[in-house]
Amino acid sequence: MTEFEKIYRTYFNDVYRYIRGLSADEHLAEEITSETFFKAMRSIGGFRGDCDIRVWLCQIAKNCYCTHLKKSKRTDSLDNGELPELPSEESTVEEQYIRHDEAARIRAVLHDAPEPYKEVFMWRVFAELSFRQIGQIFGKSENWACVTYHRAKAMIKTRMEDKAYEK
């Protein structure tokens, strides 16, 4: 097994989950993830190791996704997509509807959140990056990433309570 195959096997799910969270589209996430690893394979020699390789791969994935959005002019994908959520066997139709409705409200709030709060929140939740890794992406400290994430979370909670995001 080559070194790149090891990287692919180790980080494929992380990149896929990150793009799936951004796009809310399973098929698009698969396409973007494949494109990400293709681009990474071509440019692995240029990887300097300044950050964790997962951060580097997710940044490539984010760039691929943004390029896709520009090409398709679908800048409202966060509003129209669905967050992945597997209902438990015990959940009722009403509970599933409430969770789906809440996920749609969270997407609306997140879509309107200012930078860097939106991006830090998405790196943390969708890509499951550590605060250290998020700090590296922005060229900031781990503490900055942690504070920014918690401010974003508080902002989302406050806006969720606001009537403007209710259906």
C-alpha atoms as a PDB file:
ATOM      1  CA  MET A   1       0.000   0.000   0.000  1.00  0.00           C
ATOM      2  CA  THR A   2       1.408   3.383  -0.986  1.00  0.00           C
ATOM      3  CA  GLU A   3       1.650   6.316   1.388  1.00  0.00           C
ATOM      4  CA  PHE A   4      -1.124   8.142  -0.474  1.00  0.00           C
ATOM      5  CA  GLU A   5      -3.407   5.106  -0.224  1.00  0.00           C
ATOM      6  CA  LYS A   6      -2.907   5.216   3.546  1.00  0.00           C
ATOM      7  CA  ILE A   7      -3.822   8.911   3.563  1.00  0.00           C
ATOM      8  CA  TYR A   8      -6.890   8.177   1.431  1.00  0.00           C
ATOM      9  CA  ARG A   9      -8.094   5.385   3.705  1.00  0.00           C
ATOM     10  CA  THR A  10      -7.409   7.380   6.858  1.00  0.00           C
ATOM     11  CA  TYR A  11      -9.028  10.684   5.860  1.00  0.00           C
ATOM     12  CA  PHE A  12     -11.668   9.838   3.258  1.00  0.00           C
ATOM     13  CA  ASN A  13     -14.532   9.730   5.797  1.00  0.00           C
ATOM     14  CA  ASP A  14     -13.432  12.988   7.444  1.00  0.00           C
ATOM     15  CA  VAL A  15     -13.420  14.841   4.127  1.00  0.00           C
ATOM     16  CA  TYR A  16     -16.694  13.237   3.032  1.00  0.00           C
ATOM     17  CA  ARG A  17     -18.453  14.163   6.310  1.00  0.00           C
ATOM     18  CA  TYR A  18     -17.177  17.732   6.060  1.00  0.00           C
ATOM     19  CA  ILE A  19     -18.479  18.190   2.513  1.00  0.00           C
ATOM     20  CA  ARG A  20     -21.699  16.304   3.320  1.00  0.00           C
ATOM     21  CA  GLY A  21     -22.270  18.786   6.125  1.00  0.00           C
ATOM     22  CA  LEU A  22     -21.601  21.751   3.857  1.00  0.00           C
ATOM     23  CA  SER A  23     -23.593  20.574   0.891  1.00  0.00           C
ATOM     24  CA  ALA A  24     -26.281  18.443   2.522  1.00  0.00           C
ATOM     25  CA  ASP A  25     -26.087  16.339  -0.638  1.00  0.00           C
ATOM     26  CA  GLU A  26     -24.760  12.790  -0.460  1.00  0.00           C
ATOM     27  CA  HIS A  27     -23.954  12.484  -4.164  1.00  0.00           C
ATOM     28  CA  LEU A  28     -22.297  15.883  -4.388  1.00  0.00           C
ATOM     29  CA  ALA A  29     -20.243  15.061  -1.290  1.00  0.00           C
ATOM     30  CA  GLU A  30     -19.021  11.891  -2.981  1.00  0.00           C
ATOM     31  CA  GLU A  31     -18.062  13.815  -6.130  1.00  0.00           C
ATOM     32  CA  ILE A  32     -16.300  16.599  -4.254  1.00  0.00           C
ATOM     33  CA  THR A  33     -14.477  14.121  -2.010  1.00  0.00           C
ATOM     34  CA  SER A  34     -13.224  12.208  -5.047  1.00  0.00           C
ATOM     35  CA  GLU A  35     -12.129  15.433  -6.706  1.00  0.00           C
ATOM     36  CA  THR A  36     -10.392  16.463  -3.476  1.00  0.00           C
ATOM     37  CA  PHE A  37      -8.282  13.330  -3.320  1.00  0.00           C
ATOM     38  CA  PHE A  38      -7.490  13.555  -7.019  1.00  0.00           C
ATOM     39  CA  LYS A  39      -6.199  17.109  -6.541  1.00  0.00           C
ATOM     40  CA  ALA A  40      -4.375  16.120  -3.356  1.00  0.00           C
ATOM     41  CA  MET A  41      -2.679  13.234  -5.137  1.00  0.00           C
ATOM     42  CA  ARG A  42      -1.415  15.590  -7.847  1.00  0.00           C
ATOM     43  CA  SER A  43      -0.109  18.128  -5.334  1.00  0.00           C
ATOM     44  CA  ILE A  44       1.003  15.985  -2.370  1.00  0.00           C
ATOM     45  CA  GLY A  45       4.598  16.896  -3.183  1.00  0.00           C
ATOM     46  CA  GLY A  46       3.763  20.514  -2.402  1.00  0.00           C
ATOM     47  CA  PHE A  47       2.349  19.707   1.042  1.00  0.00           C
ATOM     48  CA  ARG A  48       4.740  21.459   3.415  1.00  0.00           C
ATOM     49  CA  GLY A  49       3.417  19.968   6.639  1.00  0.00           C
ATOM     50  CA  ASP A  50       2.610  23.378   8.144  1.00  0.00           C
ATOM     51  CA  CYS A  51      -0.707  21.946   9.323  1.00  0.00           C
ATOM     52  CA  ASP A  52      -2.356  18.591   9.905  1.00  0.00           C
ATOM     53  CA  ILE A  53      -2.931  16.738   6.638  1.00  0.00           C
ATOM     54  CA  ARG A  54      -6.665  16.479   7.422  1.00  0.00           C
ATOM     55  CA  VAL A  55      -6.831  20.282   7.600  1.00  0.00           C
ATOM     56  CA  TRP A  56      -5.036  20.501   4.256  1.00  0.00           C
ATOM     57  CA  LEU A  57      -7.423  17.990   2.666  1.00  0.00           C
ATOM     58  CA  CYS A  58     -10.518  19.746   4.055  1.00  0.00           C
ATOM     59  CA  GLN A  59      -9.240  23.067   2.719  1.00  0.00           C
ATOM     60  CA  ILE A  60      -8.871  21.507  -0.738  1.00  0.00           C
ATOM     61  CA  ALA A  61     -12.386  20.067  -0.360  1.00  0.00           C
ATOM     62  CA  LYS A  62     -13.796  23.444   0.635  1.00  0.00           C
ATOM     63  CA  ASN A  63     -12.158  25.057  -2.403  1.00  0.00           C
ATOM     64  CA  CYS A  64     -13.578  22.339  -4.681  1.00  0.00           C
ATOM     65  CA  TYR A  65     -17.015  22.864  -3.167  1.00  0.00           C
ATOM     66  CA  CYS A  66     -16.829  26.653  -3.605  1.00  0.00           C
ATOM     67  CA  THR A  67     -15.769  26.171  -7.223  1.00  0.00           C
ATOM     68  CA  HIS A  68     -18.729  23.857  -7.721  1.00  0.00           C
ATOM     69  CA  LEU A  69     -21.097  26.444  -6.244  1.00  0.00           C
ATOM     70  CA  LYS A  70     -19.727  29.164  -8.491  1.00  0.00           C
ATOM     71  CA  LYS A  71     -20.127  26.954 -11.540  1.00  0.00           C
ATOM     72  CA  SER A  72     -23.654  25.938 -10.688  1.00  0.00           C
ATOM     73  CA  LYS A  73     -24.633  29.296  -9.165  1.00  0.00           C
ATOM     74  CA  ARG A  74     -26.156  27.514  -6.202  1.00  0.00           C
ATOM     75  CA  THR A  75     -25.057  29.821  -3.423  1.00  0.00           C
ATOM     76  CA  ASP A  76     -28.126  28.972  -1.382  1.00  0.00           C
ATOM     77  CA  SER A  77     -27.255  25.279  -0.961  1.00  0.00           C
ATOM     78  CA  LEU A  78     -27.229  25.491   2.827  1.00  0.00           C
ATOM     79  CA  ASP A  79     -30.828  26.715   2.760  1.00  0.00           C
ATOM     80  CA  ASN A  80     -32.082  23.976   0.457  1.00  0.00           C
ATOM     81  CA  GLY A  81     -30.085  20.992   1.688  1.00  0.00           C
ATOM     82  CA  GLU A  82     -30.893  18.566   4.442  1.00  0.00           C
ATOM     83  CA  LEU A  83     -28.655  17.761   7.355  1.00  0.00           C
ATOM     84  CA  PRO A  84     -28.028  14.063   7.764  1.00  0.00           C
ATOM     85  CA  GLU A  85     -29.945  12.670  10.672  1.00  0.00           C
ATOM     86  CA  LEU A  86     -30.794   9.067  11.313  1.00  0.00           C
ATOM     87  CA  PRO A  87     -33.971   8.670  13.331  1.00  0.00           C
ATOM     88  CA  SER A  88     -33.967   6.189  16.161  1.00  0.00           C
ATOM     89  CA  GLU A  89     -36.354   3.281  16.039  1.00  0.00           C
ATOM     90  CA  GLU A  90     -38.329   4.708  18.949  1.00  0.00           C
ATOM     91  CA  SER A  91     -38.820   8.167  17.422  1.00  0.00           C
ATOM     92  CA  THR A  92     -42.284   9.075  16.270  1.00  0.00           C
ATOM     93  CA  VAL A  93     -43.172  10.887  13.080  1.00  0.00           C
ATOM     94  CA  GLU A  94     -43.804  14.008  15.155  1.00  0.00           C
ATOM     95  CA  GLU A  95     -40.350  13.809  16.765  1.00  0.00           C
ATOM     96  CA  GLN A  96     -38.725  13.321  13.363  1.00  0.00           C
ATOM     97  CA  TYR A  97     -40.612  16.354  12.000  1.00  0.00           C
ATOM     98  CA  ILE A  98     -39.523  18.496  14.938  1.00  0.00           C
ATOM     99  CA  ARG A  99     -35.873  17.472  14.474  1.00  0.00           C
ATOM    100  CA  HIS A 100     -36.070  18.139  10.731  1.00  0.00           C
ATOM    101  CA  ASP A 101     -37.675  21.541  11.346  1.00  0.00           C
ATOM    102  CA  GLU A 102     -35.018  22.421  13.902  1.00  0.00           C
ATOM    103  CA  ALA A 103     -32.241  21.369  11.505  1.00  0.00           C
ATOM    104  CA  ALA A 104     -33.724  23.658   8.836  1.00  0.00           C
ATOM    105  CA  ARG A 105     -33.794  26.555  11.306  1.00  0.00           C
ATOM    106  CA  ILE A 106     -30.160  25.890  12.284  1.00  0.00           C
ATOM    107  CA  ARG A 107     -29.163  25.928   8.599  1.00  0.00           C
ATOM    108  CA  ALA A 108     -30.941  29.268   8.111  1.00  0.00           C
ATOM    109  CA  VAL A 109     -29.192  30.779  11.124  1.00  0.00           C
ATOM    110  CA  LEU A 110     -25.824  29.377  10.076  1.00  0.00           C
ATOM    111  CA  HIS A 111     -26.253  30.647   6.525  1.00  0.00           C
ATOM    112  CA  ASP A 112     -26.723  34.208   7.837  1.00  0.00           C
ATOM    113  CA  ALA A 113     -23.934  34.048  10.438  1.00  0.00           C
ATOM    114  CA  PRO A 114     -20.982  36.369   9.810  1.00  0.00           C
ATOM    115  CA  GLU A 115     -17.453  35.162   9.168  1.00  0.00           C
ATOM    116  CA  PRO A 116     -15.373  33.814  10.835  1.00  0.00           C
ATOM    117  CA  TYR A 117     -18.092  32.427  13.105  1.00  0.00           C
ATOM    118  CA  LYS A 118     -19.824  30.463  10.362  1.00  0.00           C
ATOM    119  CA  GLU A 119     -16.649  28.862   9.068  1.00  0.00           C
ATOM    120  CA  VAL A 120     -15.222  28.053  12.517  1.00  0.00           C
ATOM    121  CA  PHE A 121     -18.532  26.471  13.523  1.00  0.00           C
ATOM    122  CA  MET A 122     -18.626  24.389  10.336  1.00  0.00           C
ATOM    123  CA  TRP A 123     -15.005  23.226  10.692  1.00  0.00           C
ATOM    124  CA  ARG A 124     -15.717  22.153  14.264  1.00  0.00           C
ATOM    125  CA  VAL A 125     -19.113  20.499  13.746  1.00  0.00           C
ATOM    126  CA  PHE A 126     -18.966  19.101  10.222  1.00  0.00           C
ATOM    127  CA  ALA A 127     -15.268  18.330   9.858  1.00  0.00           C
ATOM    128  CA  GLU A 128     -14.812  17.553  13.574  1.00  0.00           C
ATOM    129  CA  LEU A 129     -11.517  19.420  13.678  1.00  0.00           C
ATOM    130  CA  SER A 130      -9.810  20.263  16.940  1.00  0.00           C
ATOM    131  CA  PHE A 131      -9.493  23.868  18.054  1.00  0.00           C
ATOM    132  CA  ARG A 132      -5.755  23.623  17.371  1.00  0.00           C
ATOM    133  CA  GLN A 133      -6.422  22.588  13.762  1.00  0.00           C
ATOM    134  CA  ILE A 134      -9.008  25.334  13.284  1.00  0.00           C
ATOM    135  CA  GLY A 135      -6.582  27.870  14.691  1.00  0.00           C
ATOM    136  CA  GLN A 136      -3.977  26.693  12.174  1.00  0.00           C
ATOM    137  CA  ILE A 137      -6.393  27.212   9.285  1.00  0.00           C
ATOM    138  CA  PHE A 138      -6.919  30.842  10.294  1.00  0.00           C
ATOM    139  CA  GLY A 139      -3.350  31.473  11.424  1.00  0.00           C
ATOM    140  CA  LYS A 140      -4.632  32.090  14.950  1.00  0.00           C
ATOM    141  CA  SER A 141      -4.274  30.420  18.326  1.00  0.00           C
ATOM    142  CA  GLU A 142      -6.128  27.395  19.635  1.00  0.00           C
ATOM    143  CA  ASN A 143      -7.745  29.680  22.230  1.00  0.00           C
ATOM    144  CA  TRP A 144      -9.001  32.036  19.486  1.00  0.00           C
ATOM    145  CA  ALA A 145     -10.643  29.088  17.706  1.00  0.00           C
ATOM    146  CA  CYS A 146     -12.273  27.895  20.926  1.00  0.00           C
ATOM    147  CA  VAL A 147     -13.616  31.347  21.819  1.00  0.00           C
ATOM    148  CA  THR A 148     -14.845  31.959  18.266  1.00  0.00           C
ATOM    149  CA  TYR A 149     -16.606  28.590  18.186  1.00  0.00           C
ATOM    150  CA  HIS A 150     -18.372  29.206  21.490  1.00  0.00           C
ATOM    151  CA  ARG A 151     -19.404  32.695  20.396  1.00  0.00           C
ATOM    152  CA  ALA A 152     -20.788  31.195  17.174  1.00  0.00           C
ATOM    153  CA  LYS A 153     -22.679  28.587  19.171  1.00  0.00           C
ATOM    154  CA  ALA A 154     -24.135  31.274  21.458  1.00  0.00           C
ATOM    155  CA  MET A 155     -25.044  33.379  18.417  1.00  0.00           C
ATOM    156  CA  ILE A 156     -26.848  30.432  16.840  1.00  0.00           C
ATOM    157  CA  LYS A 157     -28.716  29.706  20.065  1.00  0.00           C
ATOM    158  CA  THR A 158     -29.775  33.352  20.427  1.00  0.00           C
ATOM    159  CA  ARG A 159     -30.900  33.579  16.816  1.00  0.00           C
ATOM    160  CA  MET A 160     -32.745  30.269  17.110  1.00  0.00           C
ATOM    161  CA  GLU A 161     -34.842  31.862  19.826  1.00  0.00           C
ATOM    162  CA  ASP A 162     -35.528  34.852  17.553  1.00  0.00           C
ATOM    163  CA  LYS A 163     -38.904  34.808  15.808  1.00  0.00           C
ATOM    164  CA  ALA A 164     -37.285  35.673  12.436  1.00  0.00           C
ATOM    165  CA  TYR A 165     -35.997  32.112  12.042  1.00  0.00           C
ATOM    166  CA  GLU A 166     -39.208  30.386  13.040  1.00  0.00           C
ATOM    167  CA  LYS A 167     -41.348  28.852  10.336  1.00  0.00           C
END
